[in-house]
Amino acid sequence: MGDCGLRVGEVLDVEPQHISRMTDGRHYELEVVGRKDTTGGFVDGKQRETWLPVDVEATINRYV
């Protein structure tokens, strides 16, 4: 999951519904919700999206 830019505490929170196909139709992105917020402006943490390699997407869906 290091290829996706995930923090250690985010790895176990990944779920298939957080994965979406990018507009080019060939790549994926992963929505990371409720995590690190250094600004203090978000009650449940900030939301961000990160690139997800195709082979990692396949692995996640294989083991769900």
C-alpha atoms as a PDB file:
ATOM      1  CA  MET A   1       0.000   0.000   0.000  1.00  0.00           C
ATOM      2  CA  GLY A   2       3.063   2.208   0.153  1.00  0.00           C
ATOM      3  CA  ASP A   3       2.732   2.648  -3.628  1.00  0.00           C
ATOM      4  CA  CYS A   4      -0.569   4.432  -2.964  1.00  0.00           C
ATOM      5  CA  GLY A   5       0.770   6.961  -0.484  1.00  0.00           C
ATOM      6  CA  LEU A   6      -1.214   5.568   2.418  1.00  0.00           C
ATOM      7  CA  ARG A   7      -0.207   6.204   5.993  1.00  0.00           C
ATOM      8  CA  VAL A   8       0.202   3.239   8.343  1.00  0.00           C
ATOM      9  CA  GLY A   9      -3.095   3.953  10.116  1.00  0.00           C
ATOM     10  CA  GLU A  10      -5.017   4.098   6.830  1.00  0.00           C
ATOM     11  CA  VAL A  11      -4.137   0.683   5.409  1.00  0.00           C
ATOM     12  CA  LEU A  12      -6.680  -1.325   7.416  1.00  0.00           C
ATOM     13  CA  ASP A  13      -9.494   1.107   6.598  1.00  0.00           C
ATOM     14  CA  VAL A  14      -9.392   0.492   2.831  1.00  0.00           C
ATOM     15  CA  GLU A  15     -12.688  -0.853   1.489  1.00  0.00           C
ATOM     16  CA  PRO A  16     -13.745  -1.661  -2.088  1.00  0.00           C
ATOM     17  CA  GLN A  17     -16.321   1.146  -2.089  1.00  0.00           C
ATOM     18  CA  HIS A  18     -13.449   3.640  -1.675  1.00  0.00           C
ATOM     19  CA  ILE A  19     -12.067   2.656  -5.095  1.00  0.00           C
ATOM     20  CA  SER A  20     -13.175   4.398  -8.274  1.00  0.00           C
ATOM     21  CA  ARG A  21     -12.015   4.364 -11.870  1.00  0.00           C
ATOM     22  CA  MET A  22     -10.409   7.587 -13.067  1.00  0.00           C
ATOM     23  CA  THR A  23     -11.830   9.525 -16.008  1.00  0.00           C
ATOM     24  CA  ASP A  24      -9.267   8.031 -18.407  1.00  0.00           C
ATOM     25  CA  GLY A  25     -10.914   4.619 -17.827  1.00  0.00           C
ATOM     26  CA  ARG A  26      -7.570   2.864 -17.287  1.00  0.00           C
ATOM     27  CA  HIS A  27      -6.469   3.899 -13.820  1.00  0.00           C
ATOM     28  CA  TYR A  28      -7.947   3.897 -10.335  1.00  0.00           C
ATOM     29  CA  GLU A  29      -8.020   6.224  -7.372  1.00  0.00           C
ATOM     30  CA  LEU A  30      -8.596   5.517  -3.717  1.00  0.00           C
ATOM     31  CA  GLU A  31     -10.621   7.780  -1.453  1.00  0.00           C
ATOM     32  CA  VAL A  32      -9.134   8.045   2.028  1.00  0.00           C
ATOM     33  CA  VAL A  33     -11.597   9.422   4.567  1.00  0.00           C
ATOM     34  CA  GLY A  34     -11.529  10.441   8.191  1.00  0.00           C
ATOM     35  CA  ARG A  35      -7.798  10.701   8.635  1.00  0.00           C
ATOM     36  CA  LYS A  36      -5.033  13.118   9.510  1.00  0.00           C
ATOM     37  CA  ASP A  37      -6.149  16.731   9.833  1.00  0.00           C
ATOM     38  CA  THR A  38      -3.367  19.101  10.803  1.00  0.00           C
ATOM     39  CA  THR A  39      -5.624  22.150  10.428  1.00  0.00           C
ATOM     40  CA  GLY A  40      -8.195  21.092  13.009  1.00  0.00           C
ATOM     41  CA  GLY A  41     -10.954  22.249  10.670  1.00  0.00           C
ATOM     42  CA  PHE A  42     -12.598  18.865  10.071  1.00  0.00           C
ATOM     43  CA  VAL A  43     -14.637  17.016  12.687  1.00  0.00           C
ATOM     44  CA  ASP A  44     -14.064  13.504  11.287  1.00  0.00           C
ATOM     45  CA  GLY A  45     -10.713  14.164   9.614  1.00  0.00           C
ATOM     46  CA  LYS A  46      -9.845  15.217   6.117  1.00  0.00           C
ATOM     47  CA  GLN A  47     -10.760  13.387   2.939  1.00  0.00           C
ATOM     48  CA  ARG A  48      -8.256  12.913   0.124  1.00  0.00           C
ATOM     49  CA  GLU A  49      -7.831  10.856  -3.008  1.00  0.00           C
ATOM     50  CA  THR A  50      -4.699   9.016  -4.019  1.00  0.00           C
ATOM     51  CA  TRP A  51      -3.617   7.115  -7.107  1.00  0.00           C
ATOM     52  CA  LEU A  52      -4.146   3.347  -6.940  1.00  0.00           C
ATOM     53  CA  PRO A  53      -2.073   1.022  -9.162  1.00  0.00           C
ATOM     54  CA  VAL A  54      -4.122  -1.472 -11.187  1.00  0.00           C
ATOM     55  CA  ASP A  55      -2.412  -4.476  -9.580  1.00  0.00           C
ATOM     56  CA  VAL A  56      -3.190  -3.180  -6.070  1.00  0.00           C
ATOM     57  CA  GLU A  57      -6.847  -2.650  -7.047  1.00  0.00           C
ATOM     58  CA  ALA A  58      -7.008  -6.251  -8.293  1.00  0.00           C
ATOM     59  CA  THR A  59      -5.437  -7.534  -5.073  1.00  0.00           C
ATOM     60  CA  ILE A  60      -7.898  -5.627  -2.876  1.00  0.00           C
ATOM     61  CA  ASN A  61     -10.868  -7.007  -4.794  1.00  0.00           C
ATOM     62  CA  ARG A  62      -9.436 -10.533  -4.808  1.00  0.00           C
ATOM     63  CA  TYR A  63      -9.165 -10.677  -1.016  1.00  0.00           C
ATOM     64  CA  VAL A  64     -12.438  -8.985  -0.102  1.00  0.00           C
END
